[in-house]
Amino acid sequence: MPSLRPKPLTERLRAFAEHYDDYARSWALDILARRLGHTPDAAEIERAVVEGKAAQQELQRLAEADRAFDCSFDMAVGYGLDATTDDERRADFRAVRGLE
């Protein structure tokens, strides 16, 4: 088993970081090839990248919509029970939820 002493570990992590793009590219191409059942050509790689970006953007949009709903004042039931105004209830809700 390789040594996990600080210096050798740091060297291994540095080498990994230096080659990370190569490792990531190799991994992604391997996954794509497995899904397609053959080695992808340039057009298939480009299509996968475009579709992946579109999927990521859609997931981001859905997450933002979910966050907006979860952080809306409609979800503030039970916050600011000791407050006397809506502004105080909103302030309590925002403070507890970390929105400020």
C-alpha atoms as a PDB file:
ATOM      1  CA  MET A   1       0.000   0.000   0.000  1.00  0.00           C
ATOM      2  CA  PRO A   2       1.428   3.428  -0.889  1.00  0.00           C
ATOM      3  CA  SER A   3       2.571   5.706   1.875  1.00  0.00           C
ATOM      4  CA  LEU A   4       0.082   8.347   2.987  1.00  0.00           C
ATOM      5  CA  ARG A   5       2.661  10.532   4.628  1.00  0.00           C
ATOM      6  CA  PRO A   6       2.136  14.256   3.974  1.00  0.00           C
ATOM      7  CA  LYS A   7       4.813  14.758   1.323  1.00  0.00           C
ATOM      8  CA  PRO A   8       4.019  11.693  -0.842  1.00  0.00           C
ATOM      9  CA  LEU A   9       0.308  12.395  -0.495  1.00  0.00           C
ATOM     10  CA  THR A  10       0.798  16.009  -1.542  1.00  0.00           C
ATOM     11  CA  GLU A  11       2.843  14.870  -4.547  1.00  0.00           C
ATOM     12  CA  ARG A  12       0.146  12.385  -5.598  1.00  0.00           C
ATOM     13  CA  LEU A  13      -2.570  15.012  -5.248  1.00  0.00           C
ATOM     14  CA  ARG A  14      -0.505  17.517  -7.224  1.00  0.00           C
ATOM     15  CA  ALA A  15       0.051  14.965 -10.019  1.00  0.00           C
ATOM     16  CA  PHE A  16      -3.661  14.169 -10.056  1.00  0.00           C
ATOM     17  CA  ALA A  17      -4.542  17.874 -10.271  1.00  0.00           C
ATOM     18  CA  GLU A  18      -2.071  18.377 -13.129  1.00  0.00           C
ATOM     19  CA  HIS A  19      -3.657  15.552 -15.131  1.00  0.00           C
ATOM     20  CA  TYR A  20      -7.270  16.086 -14.040  1.00  0.00           C
ATOM     21  CA  ASP A  21      -8.487  17.329 -17.447  1.00  0.00           C
ATOM     22  CA  ASP A  22      -7.032  14.235 -19.128  1.00  0.00           C
ATOM     23  CA  TYR A  23      -8.615  11.927 -16.550  1.00  0.00           C
ATOM     24  CA  ALA A  24     -11.996  13.668 -16.826  1.00  0.00           C
ATOM     25  CA  ARG A  25     -11.942  13.581 -20.634  1.00  0.00           C
ATOM     26  CA  SER A  26     -10.988   9.901 -20.656  1.00  0.00           C
ATOM     27  CA  TRP A  27     -13.716   9.050 -18.150  1.00  0.00           C
ATOM     28  CA  ALA A  28     -16.386  10.986 -20.076  1.00  0.00           C
ATOM     29  CA  LEU A  29     -15.418   9.414 -23.401  1.00  0.00           C
ATOM     30  CA  ASP A  30     -15.517   5.960 -21.824  1.00  0.00           C
ATOM     31  CA  ILE A  31     -19.004   6.564 -20.410  1.00  0.00           C
ATOM     32  CA  LEU A  32     -20.257   7.952 -23.742  1.00  0.00           C
ATOM     33  CA  ALA A  33     -18.786   4.991 -25.642  1.00  0.00           C
ATOM     34  CA  ARG A  34     -20.507   2.559 -23.272  1.00  0.00           C
ATOM     35  CA  ARG A  35     -23.849   4.315 -23.710  1.00  0.00           C
ATOM     36  CA  LEU A  36     -23.520   4.427 -27.500  1.00  0.00           C
ATOM     37  CA  GLY A  37     -22.056   0.961 -27.844  1.00  0.00           C
ATOM     38  CA  HIS A  38     -19.166   2.262 -29.949  1.00  0.00           C
ATOM     39  CA  THR A  39     -16.387   4.858 -29.881  1.00  0.00           C
ATOM     40  CA  PRO A  40     -18.057   8.232 -30.493  1.00  0.00           C
ATOM     41  CA  ASP A  41     -17.066  10.415 -33.417  1.00  0.00           C
ATOM     42  CA  ALA A  42     -16.620  14.195 -33.157  1.00  0.00           C
ATOM     43  CA  ALA A  43     -20.271  14.916 -34.041  1.00  0.00           C
ATOM     44  CA  GLU A  44     -21.528  12.517 -31.355  1.00  0.00           C
ATOM     45  CA  ILE A  45     -19.221  14.089 -28.776  1.00  0.00           C
ATOM     46  CA  GLU A  46     -20.426  17.573 -29.728  1.00  0.00           C
ATOM     47  CA  ARG A  47     -24.066  16.477 -29.534  1.00  0.00           C
ATOM     48  CA  ALA A  48     -23.479  14.937 -26.087  1.00  0.00           C
ATOM     49  CA  VAL A  49     -21.839  18.153 -24.869  1.00  0.00           C
ATOM     50  CA  VAL A  50     -24.686  20.336 -26.192  1.00  0.00           C
ATOM     51  CA  GLU A  51     -27.345  18.031 -24.751  1.00  0.00           C
ATOM     52  CA  GLY A  52     -25.486  17.849 -21.435  1.00  0.00           C
ATOM     53  CA  LYS A  53     -25.316  21.634 -21.190  1.00  0.00           C
ATOM     54  CA  ALA A  54     -29.022  21.914 -22.005  1.00  0.00           C
ATOM     55  CA  ALA A  55     -29.866  19.338 -19.332  1.00  0.00           C
ATOM     56  CA  GLN A  56     -27.705  21.175 -16.794  1.00  0.00           C
ATOM     57  CA  GLN A  57     -29.415  24.471 -17.598  1.00  0.00           C
ATOM     58  CA  GLU A  58     -32.864  22.887 -17.248  1.00  0.00           C
ATOM     59  CA  LEU A  59     -31.912  21.368 -13.887  1.00  0.00           C
ATOM     60  CA  GLN A  60     -30.607  24.761 -12.778  1.00  0.00           C
ATOM     61  CA  ARG A  61     -33.864  26.411 -13.864  1.00  0.00           C
ATOM     62  CA  LEU A  62     -35.911  23.828 -11.953  1.00  0.00           C
ATOM     63  CA  ALA A  63     -33.738  24.193  -8.853  1.00  0.00           C
ATOM     64  CA  GLU A  64     -34.119  27.985  -8.972  1.00  0.00           C
ATOM     65  CA  ALA A  65     -37.895  27.698  -9.330  1.00  0.00           C
ATOM     66  CA  ASP A  66     -37.966  25.298  -6.376  1.00  0.00           C
ATOM     67  CA  ARG A  67     -35.774  27.630  -4.330  1.00  0.00           C
ATOM     68  CA  ALA A  68     -37.967  30.617  -5.187  1.00  0.00           C
ATOM     69  CA  PHE A  69     -41.042  28.712  -4.016  1.00  0.00           C
ATOM     70  CA  ASP A  70     -39.370  27.423  -0.833  1.00  0.00           C
ATOM     71  CA  CYS A  71     -38.138  30.919  -0.009  1.00  0.00           C
ATOM     72  CA  SER A  72     -41.394  32.733  -0.772  1.00  0.00           C
ATOM     73  CA  PHE A  73     -43.263  34.313   2.097  1.00  0.00           C
ATOM     74  CA  ASP A  74     -46.100  31.834   1.425  1.00  0.00           C
ATOM     75  CA  MET A  75     -43.845  29.221   3.060  1.00  0.00           C
ATOM     76  CA  ALA A  76     -43.351  31.347   6.178  1.00  0.00           C
ATOM     77  CA  VAL A  77     -45.971  29.521   8.249  1.00  0.00           C
ATOM     78  CA  GLY A  78     -44.834  29.362  11.851  1.00  0.00           C
ATOM     79  CA  TYR A  79     -42.162  32.051  11.567  1.00  0.00           C
ATOM     80  CA  GLY A  80     -42.323  35.180  13.671  1.00  0.00           C
ATOM     81  CA  LEU A  81     -45.057  33.881  15.945  1.00  0.00           C
ATOM     82  CA  ASP A  82     -44.181  36.592  18.437  1.00  0.00           C
ATOM     83  CA  ALA A  83     -44.076  39.291  15.741  1.00  0.00           C
ATOM     84  CA  THR A  84     -46.706  41.975  15.589  1.00  0.00           C
ATOM     85  CA  THR A  85     -46.328  42.920  11.912  1.00  0.00           C
ATOM     86  CA  ASP A  86     -45.852  41.147   8.575  1.00  0.00           C
ATOM     87  CA  ASP A  87     -42.523  42.947   8.207  1.00  0.00           C
ATOM     88  CA  GLU A  88     -41.293  41.379  11.453  1.00  0.00           C
ATOM     89  CA  ARG A  89     -42.537  37.935  10.337  1.00  0.00           C
ATOM     90  CA  ARG A  90     -40.779  38.372   6.979  1.00  0.00           C
ATOM     91  CA  ALA A  91     -37.577  39.452   8.746  1.00  0.00           C
ATOM     92  CA  ASP A  92     -37.720  36.388  11.033  1.00  0.00           C
ATOM     93  CA  PHE A  93     -38.381  34.078   8.068  1.00  0.00           C
ATOM     94  CA  ARG A  94     -35.512  35.546   6.059  1.00  0.00           C
ATOM     95  CA  ALA A  95     -33.127  35.447   9.022  1.00  0.00           C
ATOM     96  CA  VAL A  96     -33.933  31.819   9.908  1.00  0.00           C
ATOM     97  CA  ARG A  97     -33.738  30.693   6.280  1.00  0.00           C
ATOM     98  CA  GLY A  98     -30.438  32.544   5.771  1.00  0.00           C
ATOM     99  CA  LEU A  99     -31.864  34.732   3.022  1.00  0.00           C
ATOM    100  CA  GLU A 100     -30.216  37.910   4.254  1.00  0.00           C
END
